Amino acid sequence: MTAAMGGSVTATVRAAYALPSDVALHESGHVVGDIAAGVSIRSVEIDRRSGAGLVRVGVSRHVPDLWALLVAHLSGLVAESFFTGGNLQSRECADLAHAREVAVRLLGMTDRRSIDVLVSEANVAAWRFVCENQAAIAPLAYELDERGRLTGAECKAIVGTVTAIPARRAW
């Protein structure tokens, strides 16, 4: 019915349920993933007109689990897809390219097939993580969409407790 009227299903759902912007959902997924990975959040901000978003993280003395970082990085893309079901091609390419770069630089991987397998496994873990933490991601996205910028302390207060990122079975 919606397609016959020239609209999209995603636009109709967004209007009916007043979903936050795609970029707010995306960045909120990153923030919640980073919090679960033990990363200190300094701030997050979005520009709805350009679709740009940025999560600023603090420097930490302890090194977070690299698997958790990889899953947290993919959680932005997954959160956006989970809540909107939309077409994510532009951000998808950037996030997946960065995930591959993390596998190469932080984990020392060089074999393309191994990298693709690792990123695919991390993507599955990110879906599980986002599904389990949707109640933390949604309110953060609404608040970020409303205000455009949140401090790390504000993010933590809104998010509350999150479930852990599932550990990788074997390296």
N, C-alpha and C. Protein backbone atom coordinates (compact mmCIF):
# COMPACT_ATOMS: atom_id res chain seq x y z
N MET A 1 0.82 -1.19 0.00
CA MET A 1 0.00 0.00 0.00
C MET A 1 0.86 1.26 0.00
N THR A 2 1.89 1.30 0.85
CA THR A 2 2.75 2.48 0.90
C THR A 2 3.50 2.67 -0.40
N ALA A 3 4.02 1.57 -0.97
CA ALA A 3 4.77 1.67 -2.21
C ALA A 3 3.89 2.22 -3.33
N ALA A 4 2.63 1.84 -3.34
CA ALA A 4 1.71 2.33 -4.37
C ALA A 4 1.50 3.83 -4.25
N MET A 5 1.65 4.37 -3.06
CA MET A 5 1.46 5.81 -2.86
C MET A 5 2.77 6.58 -3.08
N GLY A 6 3.86 5.86 -3.42
CA GLY A 6 5.12 6.54 -3.71
C GLY A 6 6.02 6.72 -2.50
N GLY A 7 5.64 6.22 -1.35
CA GLY A 7 6.48 6.34 -0.16
C GLY A 7 7.24 5.07 0.10
N SER A 8 8.05 5.10 1.12
CA SER A 8 8.78 3.89 1.48
C SER A 8 8.23 3.34 2.79
N VAL A 9 8.38 2.06 2.98
CA VAL A 9 7.92 1.43 4.21
C VAL A 9 8.69 2.00 5.39
N THR A 10 10.01 2.19 5.24
CA THR A 10 10.83 2.73 6.32
C THR A 10 10.35 4.12 6.72
N ALA A 11 10.04 4.96 5.74
CA ALA A 11 9.56 6.32 6.04
C ALA A 11 8.22 6.27 6.76
N THR A 12 7.36 5.35 6.37
CA THR A 12 6.07 5.22 7.01
C THR A 12 6.22 4.76 8.46
N VAL A 13 7.07 3.76 8.68
CA VAL A 13 7.31 3.27 10.05
C VAL A 13 7.93 4.38 10.89
N ARG A 14 8.92 5.09 10.32
CA ARG A 14 9.58 6.18 11.06
C ARG A 14 8.56 7.23 11.45
N ALA A 15 7.67 7.60 10.56
CA ALA A 15 6.66 8.62 10.87
C ALA A 15 5.67 8.12 11.92
N ALA A 16 5.26 6.87 11.79
CA ALA A 16 4.27 6.32 12.72
C ALA A 16 4.82 6.17 14.13
N TYR A 17 6.08 5.80 14.23
CA TYR A 17 6.67 5.53 15.55
C TYR A 17 7.70 6.57 15.97
N ALA A 18 7.91 7.60 15.17
CA ALA A 18 8.84 8.68 15.47
C ALA A 18 10.21 8.15 15.86
N LEU A 19 10.78 7.33 14.99
CA LEU A 19 12.13 6.81 15.24
C LEU A 19 13.15 7.93 15.19
N PRO A 20 14.23 7.81 15.97
CA PRO A 20 15.31 8.79 15.85
C PRO A 20 15.95 8.70 14.47
N SER A 21 16.75 9.68 14.14
CA SER A 21 17.43 9.68 12.84
C SER A 21 18.38 8.49 12.74
N ASP A 22 18.68 8.09 11.50
CA ASP A 22 19.59 6.98 11.27
C ASP A 22 20.94 7.22 11.95
N VAL A 23 21.45 8.45 11.83
CA VAL A 23 22.77 8.75 12.39
C VAL A 23 22.74 8.68 13.92
N ALA A 24 21.65 9.06 14.54
CA ALA A 24 21.54 8.97 16.01
C ALA A 24 21.53 7.50 16.44
N LEU A 25 20.81 6.66 15.71
CA LEU A 25 20.80 5.24 16.01
C LEU A 25 22.18 4.62 15.81
N HIS A 26 22.83 5.00 14.72
CA HIS A 26 24.15 4.48 14.38
C HIS A 26 25.17 4.83 15.47
N GLU A 27 25.26 6.10 15.81
CA GLU A 27 26.24 6.53 16.81
C GLU A 27 25.91 5.98 18.19
N SER A 28 24.63 5.84 18.51
CA SER A 28 24.24 5.26 19.80
C SER A 28 24.66 3.79 19.89
N GLY A 29 24.59 3.08 18.78
CA GLY A 29 25.10 1.70 18.76
C GLY A 29 26.58 1.65 19.06
N HIS A 30 27.34 2.57 18.46
CA HIS A 30 28.78 2.65 18.76
C HIS A 30 29.02 2.95 20.24
N VAL A 31 28.30 3.92 20.78
CA VAL A 31 28.51 4.32 22.18
C VAL A 31 28.22 3.16 23.12
N VAL A 32 27.10 2.50 22.95
CA VAL A 32 26.74 1.39 23.84
C VAL A 32 27.76 0.25 23.69
N GLY A 33 28.19 -0.02 22.47
CA GLY A 33 29.22 -1.03 22.25
C GLY A 33 30.53 -0.65 22.92
N ASP A 34 30.93 0.60 22.78
CA ASP A 34 32.17 1.07 23.41
C ASP A 34 32.09 0.98 24.92
N ILE A 35 30.96 1.36 25.50
CA ILE A 35 30.80 1.26 26.95
C ILE A 35 30.95 -0.20 27.39
N ALA A 36 30.34 -1.12 26.67
CA ALA A 36 30.44 -2.54 27.00
C ALA A 36 31.86 -3.06 26.85
N ALA A 37 32.62 -2.47 25.92
CA ALA A 37 34.01 -2.89 25.70
C ALA A 37 34.98 -2.25 26.69
N GLY A 38 34.47 -1.37 27.53
CA GLY A 38 35.32 -0.73 28.53
C GLY A 38 36.01 0.54 28.04
N VAL A 39 35.51 1.09 26.95
CA VAL A 39 36.08 2.33 26.39
C VAL A 39 35.44 3.53 27.09
N SER A 40 36.24 4.49 27.44
CA SER A 40 35.75 5.71 28.08
C SER A 40 35.22 6.68 27.02
N ILE A 41 33.95 7.03 27.13
CA ILE A 41 33.33 7.95 26.17
C ILE A 41 33.48 9.38 26.67
N ARG A 42 34.04 10.25 25.82
CA ARG A 42 34.13 11.68 26.16
C ARG A 42 32.89 12.42 25.71
N SER A 43 32.45 12.13 24.47
CA SER A 43 31.24 12.77 23.94
C SER A 43 30.81 12.06 22.66
N VAL A 44 29.58 12.35 22.26
CA VAL A 44 29.06 11.89 20.98
C VAL A 44 28.25 13.04 20.41
N GLU A 45 28.36 13.23 19.10
CA GLU A 45 27.58 14.29 18.47
C GLU A 45 27.18 13.88 17.07
N ILE A 46 26.09 14.47 16.62
CA ILE A 46 25.58 14.18 15.28
C ILE A 46 25.17 15.48 14.59
N ASP A 47 25.15 15.43 13.28
CA ASP A 47 24.61 16.50 12.45
C ASP A 47 23.60 15.83 11.52
N ARG A 48 22.33 15.98 11.82
CA ARG A 48 21.30 15.29 11.04
C ARG A 48 21.26 15.74 9.59
N ARG A 49 21.58 17.01 9.34
CA ARG A 49 21.54 17.48 7.94
C ARG A 49 22.56 16.77 7.08
N SER A 50 23.78 16.62 7.59
CA SER A 50 24.83 15.97 6.78
C SER A 50 24.85 14.46 6.98
N GLY A 51 24.23 13.99 8.07
CA GLY A 51 24.28 12.56 8.37
C GLY A 51 25.57 12.13 9.02
N ALA A 52 26.37 13.10 9.46
CA ALA A 52 27.65 12.79 10.09
C ALA A 52 27.50 12.62 11.59
N GLY A 53 28.32 11.76 12.14
CA GLY A 53 28.34 11.55 13.58
C GLY A 53 29.76 11.26 14.04
N LEU A 54 30.01 11.51 15.32
CA LEU A 54 31.35 11.32 15.86
C LEU A 54 31.26 10.93 17.33
N VAL A 55 31.95 9.86 17.69
CA VAL A 55 32.09 9.47 19.08
C VAL A 55 33.53 9.77 19.47
N ARG A 56 33.70 10.59 20.50
CA ARG A 56 35.04 10.90 21.00
C ARG A 56 35.29 10.02 22.22
N VAL A 57 36.41 9.34 22.21
CA VAL A 57 36.75 8.44 23.31
C VAL A 57 37.98 8.97 24.04
N GLY A 58 38.08 8.59 25.31
CA GLY A 58 39.20 8.99 26.13
C GLY A 58 40.34 8.00 26.02
N VAL A 59 41.50 8.44 26.42
CA VAL A 59 42.68 7.58 26.45
C VAL A 59 42.65 6.78 27.75
N SER A 60 42.91 5.51 27.65
CA SER A 60 42.85 4.64 28.82
C SER A 60 44.20 3.96 29.04
N ARG A 61 44.50 3.69 30.28
CA ARG A 61 45.74 2.98 30.60
C ARG A 61 45.61 1.49 30.29
N HIS A 62 44.40 0.97 30.37
CA HIS A 62 44.22 -0.45 30.07
C HIS A 62 43.75 -0.60 28.63
N VAL A 63 44.20 -1.65 28.00
CA VAL A 63 43.83 -1.92 26.62
C VAL A 63 42.60 -2.81 26.62
N PRO A 64 41.49 -2.32 26.06
CA PRO A 64 40.28 -3.16 26.00
C PRO A 64 40.52 -4.40 25.13
N ASP A 65 39.72 -5.38 25.35
CA ASP A 65 39.76 -6.61 24.55
C ASP A 65 39.56 -6.25 23.08
N LEU A 66 40.47 -6.71 22.23
CA LEU A 66 40.41 -6.33 20.81
C LEU A 66 39.18 -6.89 20.11
N TRP A 67 38.75 -8.08 20.50
CA TRP A 67 37.52 -8.64 19.94
C TRP A 67 36.33 -7.74 20.29
N ALA A 68 36.27 -7.32 21.55
CA ALA A 68 35.17 -6.44 21.99
C ALA A 68 35.20 -5.13 21.22
N LEU A 69 36.39 -4.59 20.96
CA LEU A 69 36.48 -3.35 20.17
C LEU A 69 35.95 -3.54 18.77
N LEU A 70 36.27 -4.66 18.16
CA LEU A 70 35.80 -4.94 16.81
C LEU A 70 34.28 -5.06 16.78
N VAL A 71 33.73 -5.78 17.74
CA VAL A 71 32.26 -5.92 17.81
C VAL A 71 31.61 -4.56 18.10
N ALA A 72 32.21 -3.78 19.01
CA ALA A 72 31.67 -2.46 19.33
C ALA A 72 31.67 -1.57 18.10
N HIS A 73 32.72 -1.66 17.29
CA HIS A 73 32.78 -0.83 16.09
C HIS A 73 31.65 -1.18 15.12
N LEU A 74 31.35 -2.45 15.00
CA LEU A 74 30.27 -2.87 14.08
C LEU A 74 28.88 -2.64 14.67
N SER A 75 28.80 -2.38 15.96
CA SER A 75 27.50 -2.19 16.60
C SER A 75 26.76 -0.94 16.12
N GLY A 76 27.47 0.06 15.62
CA GLY A 76 26.81 1.24 15.07
C GLY A 76 26.01 0.90 13.81
N LEU A 77 26.68 0.24 12.91
CA LEU A 77 26.05 -0.19 11.67
C LEU A 77 24.88 -1.13 11.94
N VAL A 78 25.09 -2.06 12.85
CA VAL A 78 24.05 -3.04 13.17
C VAL A 78 22.86 -2.37 13.85
N ALA A 79 23.11 -1.44 14.77
CA ALA A 79 22.00 -0.75 15.45
C ALA A 79 21.15 0.02 14.45
N GLU A 80 21.78 0.69 13.53
CA GLU A 80 21.03 1.43 12.51
C GLU A 80 20.16 0.48 11.70
N SER A 81 20.73 -0.62 11.28
CA SER A 81 19.99 -1.60 10.49
C SER A 81 18.88 -2.25 11.31
N PHE A 82 19.18 -2.58 12.56
CA PHE A 82 18.20 -3.23 13.45
C PHE A 82 16.95 -2.38 13.62
N PHE A 83 17.14 -1.09 13.89
CA PHE A 83 16.00 -0.23 14.19
C PHE A 83 15.28 0.27 12.95
N THR A 84 15.99 0.43 11.83
CA THR A 84 15.35 1.03 10.65
C THR A 84 15.10 0.05 9.52
N GLY A 85 15.91 -1.00 9.45
CA GLY A 85 15.81 -1.91 8.32
C GLY A 85 16.19 -1.22 7.02
N GLY A 86 16.87 -0.08 7.14
CA GLY A 86 17.17 0.74 5.97
C GLY A 86 18.39 0.30 5.19
N ASN A 87 18.60 0.98 4.09
CA ASN A 87 19.74 0.75 3.22
C ASN A 87 20.94 1.49 3.80
N LEU A 88 22.00 0.76 4.12
CA LEU A 88 23.13 1.33 4.84
C LEU A 88 24.40 1.40 4.00
N GLN A 89 24.31 1.43 2.72
CA GLN A 89 25.48 1.23 1.89
C GLN A 89 26.64 2.18 2.18
N SER A 90 26.41 3.48 2.34
CA SER A 90 27.54 4.40 2.51
C SER A 90 28.24 4.17 3.84
N ARG A 91 27.49 4.11 4.94
CA ARG A 91 28.14 3.88 6.23
C ARG A 91 28.63 2.45 6.35
N GLU A 92 27.93 1.53 5.70
CA GLU A 92 28.33 0.13 5.75
C GLU A 92 29.73 -0.03 5.19
N CYS A 93 30.00 0.57 4.06
CA CYS A 93 31.32 0.46 3.45
C CYS A 93 32.40 1.02 4.37
N ALA A 94 32.14 2.17 4.97
CA ALA A 94 33.13 2.79 5.85
C ALA A 94 33.36 1.96 7.11
N ASP A 95 32.29 1.49 7.75
CA ASP A 95 32.45 0.71 8.98
C ASP A 95 33.10 -0.64 8.72
N LEU A 96 32.72 -1.31 7.65
CA LEU A 96 33.32 -2.60 7.34
C LEU A 96 34.78 -2.45 6.95
N ALA A 97 35.11 -1.39 6.21
CA ALA A 97 36.51 -1.13 5.86
C ALA A 97 37.33 -0.88 7.12
N HIS A 98 36.77 -0.12 8.04
CA HIS A 98 37.49 0.15 9.29
C HIS A 98 37.63 -1.12 10.12
N ALA A 99 36.62 -1.97 10.13
CA ALA A 99 36.71 -3.23 10.87
C ALA A 99 37.83 -4.10 10.30
N ARG A 100 37.95 -4.12 8.99
CA ARG A 100 39.04 -4.89 8.36
C ARG A 100 40.40 -4.28 8.73
N GLU A 101 40.45 -2.96 8.78
CA GLU A 101 41.69 -2.28 9.16
C GLU A 101 42.07 -2.62 10.61
N VAL A 102 41.08 -2.68 11.48
CA VAL A 102 41.34 -3.07 12.88
C VAL A 102 41.93 -4.48 12.92
N ALA A 103 41.36 -5.38 12.13
CA ALA A 103 41.86 -6.76 12.10
C ALA A 103 43.32 -6.81 11.63
N VAL A 104 43.65 -5.98 10.67
CA VAL A 104 45.02 -5.97 10.15
C VAL A 104 45.98 -5.29 11.13
N ARG A 105 45.62 -4.09 11.59
CA ARG A 105 46.55 -3.31 12.42
C ARG A 105 46.65 -3.79 13.85
N LEU A 106 45.54 -4.10 14.47
CA LEU A 106 45.57 -4.47 15.88
C LEU A 106 45.81 -5.97 16.11
N LEU A 107 45.33 -6.77 15.19
CA LEU A 107 45.46 -8.21 15.38
C LEU A 107 46.56 -8.82 14.52
N GLY A 108 47.17 -8.00 13.65
CA GLY A 108 48.27 -8.48 12.82
C GLY A 108 47.87 -9.47 11.74
N MET A 109 46.61 -9.46 11.37
CA MET A 109 46.14 -10.39 10.35
C MET A 109 46.50 -9.88 8.96
N THR A 110 46.88 -10.79 8.07
CA THR A 110 47.21 -10.39 6.70
C THR A 110 46.44 -11.18 5.64
N ASP A 111 46.00 -12.37 5.99
CA ASP A 111 45.27 -13.21 5.05
C ASP A 111 43.85 -12.68 4.87
N ARG A 112 43.50 -12.32 3.64
CA ARG A 112 42.19 -11.71 3.36
C ARG A 112 41.03 -12.60 3.79
N ARG A 113 41.14 -13.88 3.56
CA ARG A 113 40.06 -14.80 3.94
C ARG A 113 39.89 -14.82 5.46
N SER A 114 40.98 -14.86 6.19
CA SER A 114 40.90 -14.86 7.66
C SER A 114 40.29 -13.56 8.17
N ILE A 115 40.65 -12.47 7.53
CA ILE A 115 40.09 -11.17 7.91
C ILE A 115 38.58 -11.15 7.67
N ASP A 116 38.16 -11.62 6.49
CA ASP A 116 36.74 -11.65 6.17
C ASP A 116 35.96 -12.54 7.13
N VAL A 117 36.53 -13.69 7.51
CA VAL A 117 35.88 -14.59 8.46
C VAL A 117 35.75 -13.91 9.82
N LEU A 118 36.82 -13.27 10.27
CA LEU A 118 36.79 -12.59 11.57
C LEU A 118 35.75 -11.47 11.59
N VAL A 119 35.72 -10.65 10.55
CA VAL A 119 34.75 -9.55 10.49
C VAL A 119 33.34 -10.09 10.41
N SER A 120 33.14 -11.18 9.69
CA SER A 120 31.82 -11.80 9.62
C SER A 120 31.38 -12.32 10.99
N GLU A 121 32.28 -12.96 11.71
CA GLU A 121 31.97 -13.44 13.07
C GLU A 121 31.67 -12.27 14.00
N ALA A 122 32.44 -11.18 13.87
CA ALA A 122 32.21 -10.00 14.69
C ALA A 122 30.85 -9.37 14.37
N ASN A 123 30.46 -9.41 13.12
CA ASN A 123 29.16 -8.87 12.72
C ASN A 123 28.02 -9.67 13.36
N VAL A 124 28.15 -10.98 13.39
CA VAL A 124 27.13 -11.83 14.04
C VAL A 124 27.08 -11.50 15.54
N ALA A 125 28.25 -11.36 16.16
CA ALA A 125 28.30 -11.01 17.59
C ALA A 125 27.69 -9.63 17.83
N ALA A 126 27.91 -8.69 16.89
CA ALA A 126 27.34 -7.34 17.03
C ALA A 126 25.82 -7.40 16.95
N TRP A 127 25.26 -8.23 16.08
CA TRP A 127 23.80 -8.39 16.01
C TRP A 127 23.26 -8.91 17.33
N ARG A 128 23.92 -9.91 17.88
CA ARG A 128 23.49 -10.47 19.17
C ARG A 128 23.56 -9.38 20.25
N PHE A 129 24.66 -8.64 20.26
CA PHE A 129 24.87 -7.59 21.26
C PHE A 129 23.78 -6.51 21.15
N VAL A 130 23.52 -6.04 19.93
CA VAL A 130 22.52 -4.99 19.73
C VAL A 130 21.13 -5.48 20.13
N CYS A 131 20.79 -6.71 19.77
CA CYS A 131 19.49 -7.26 20.16
C CYS A 131 19.33 -7.29 21.67
N GLU A 132 20.40 -7.68 22.36
CA GLU A 132 20.34 -7.77 23.82
C GLU A 132 20.36 -6.39 24.49
N ASN A 133 20.83 -5.37 23.78
CA ASN A 133 20.98 -4.04 24.38
C ASN A 133 20.13 -2.97 23.72
N GLN A 134 19.10 -3.39 22.99
CA GLN A 134 18.26 -2.41 22.31
C GLN A 134 17.59 -1.44 23.28
N ALA A 135 17.32 -1.90 24.50
CA ALA A 135 16.69 -1.02 25.50
C ALA A 135 17.65 0.06 25.99
N ALA A 136 18.94 -0.11 25.79
CA ALA A 136 19.91 0.92 26.14
C ALA A 136 20.17 1.84 24.94
N ILE A 137 20.16 1.28 23.74
CA ILE A 137 20.47 2.05 22.53
C ILE A 137 19.37 3.04 22.19
N ALA A 138 18.11 2.60 22.25
CA ALA A 138 16.99 3.44 21.83
C ALA A 138 16.88 4.75 22.60
N PRO A 139 16.88 4.75 23.94
CA PRO A 139 16.74 6.03 24.65
C PRO A 139 17.93 6.96 24.40
N LEU A 140 19.12 6.38 24.24
CA LEU A 140 20.29 7.20 23.93
C LEU A 140 20.11 7.86 22.57
N ALA A 141 19.62 7.11 21.60
CA ALA A 141 19.40 7.66 20.25
C ALA A 141 18.37 8.77 20.26
N TYR A 142 17.29 8.59 21.01
CA TYR A 142 16.27 9.64 21.10
C TYR A 142 16.86 10.92 21.69
N GLU A 143 17.61 10.78 22.77
CA GLU A 143 18.19 11.95 23.42
C GLU A 143 19.24 12.61 22.53
N LEU A 144 20.07 11.81 21.87
CA LEU A 144 21.08 12.35 20.96
C LEU A 144 20.42 13.06 19.79
N ASP A 145 19.35 12.49 19.28
CA ASP A 145 18.63 13.11 18.17
C ASP A 145 18.05 14.46 18.59
N GLU A 146 17.55 14.52 19.81
CA GLU A 146 16.96 15.75 20.34
C GLU A 146 18.00 16.84 20.57
N ARG A 147 19.13 16.46 21.15
CA ARG A 147 20.12 17.46 21.58
C ARG A 147 21.29 17.65 20.62
N GLY A 148 21.63 16.63 19.85
CA GLY A 148 22.73 16.76 18.91
C GLY A 148 24.09 16.43 19.48
N ARG A 149 24.26 16.58 20.79
CA ARG A 149 25.55 16.30 21.44
C ARG A 149 25.30 15.88 22.88
N LEU A 150 26.03 14.86 23.32
CA LEU A 150 25.96 14.40 24.70
C LEU A 150 27.37 14.16 25.22
N THR A 151 27.57 14.43 26.50
CA THR A 151 28.86 14.12 27.12
C THR A 151 28.91 12.63 27.46
N GLY A 152 30.09 12.16 27.78
CA GLY A 152 30.23 10.77 28.18
C GLY A 152 29.42 10.45 29.42
N ALA A 153 29.43 11.37 30.39
CA ALA A 153 28.65 11.17 31.63
C ALA A 153 27.16 11.09 31.32
N GLU A 154 26.68 11.94 30.42
CA GLU A 154 25.27 11.90 30.04
C GLU A 154 24.94 10.57 29.36
N CYS A 155 25.84 10.11 28.50
CA CYS A 155 25.63 8.82 27.82
C CYS A 155 25.50 7.70 28.84
N LYS A 156 26.43 7.65 29.78
CA LYS A 156 26.41 6.59 30.79
C LYS A 156 25.14 6.65 31.63
N ALA A 157 24.69 7.85 31.96
CA ALA A 157 23.48 8.00 32.77
C ALA A 157 22.25 7.51 32.00
N ILE A 158 22.18 7.79 30.72
CA ILE A 158 21.04 7.37 29.91
C ILE A 158 21.08 5.86 29.67
N VAL A 159 22.26 5.34 29.36
CA VAL A 159 22.41 3.94 28.99
C VAL A 159 22.25 3.01 30.19
N GLY A 160 22.82 3.36 31.32
CA GLY A 160 22.74 2.47 32.48
C GLY A 160 23.61 1.24 32.28
N THR A 161 23.08 0.10 32.64
CA THR A 161 23.83 -1.16 32.55
C THR A 161 23.60 -1.81 31.20
N VAL A 162 24.67 -2.32 30.62
CA VAL A 162 24.57 -3.04 29.35
C VAL A 162 25.11 -4.46 29.54
N THR A 163 24.63 -5.36 28.69
CA THR A 163 25.17 -6.72 28.74
C THR A 163 26.52 -6.73 28.05
N ALA A 164 27.33 -7.68 28.42
CA ALA A 164 28.68 -7.79 27.87
C ALA A 164 28.65 -8.19 26.40
N ILE A 165 29.71 -7.83 25.72
CA ILE A 165 29.89 -8.28 24.35
C ILE A 165 30.28 -9.75 24.41
N PRO A 166 29.60 -10.60 23.65
CA PRO A 166 29.92 -12.04 23.71
C PRO A 166 31.37 -12.30 23.32
N ALA A 167 32.03 -13.15 24.08
CA ALA A 167 33.43 -13.48 23.80
C ALA A 167 33.52 -14.32 22.53
N ARG A 168 34.65 -14.21 21.85
CA ARG A 168 34.88 -15.03 20.67
C ARG A 168 35.23 -16.44 21.14
N ARG A 169 34.70 -17.42 20.48
CA ARG A 169 34.90 -18.81 20.93
C ARG A 169 36.36 -19.24 20.92
N ALA A 170 37.05 -18.98 19.84
CA ALA A 170 38.45 -19.39 19.75
C ALA A 170 39.20 -18.46 18.81
N TRP A 171 40.47 -18.30 19.07
CA TRP A 171 41.31 -17.48 18.18
C TRP A 171 42.07 -18.40 17.32
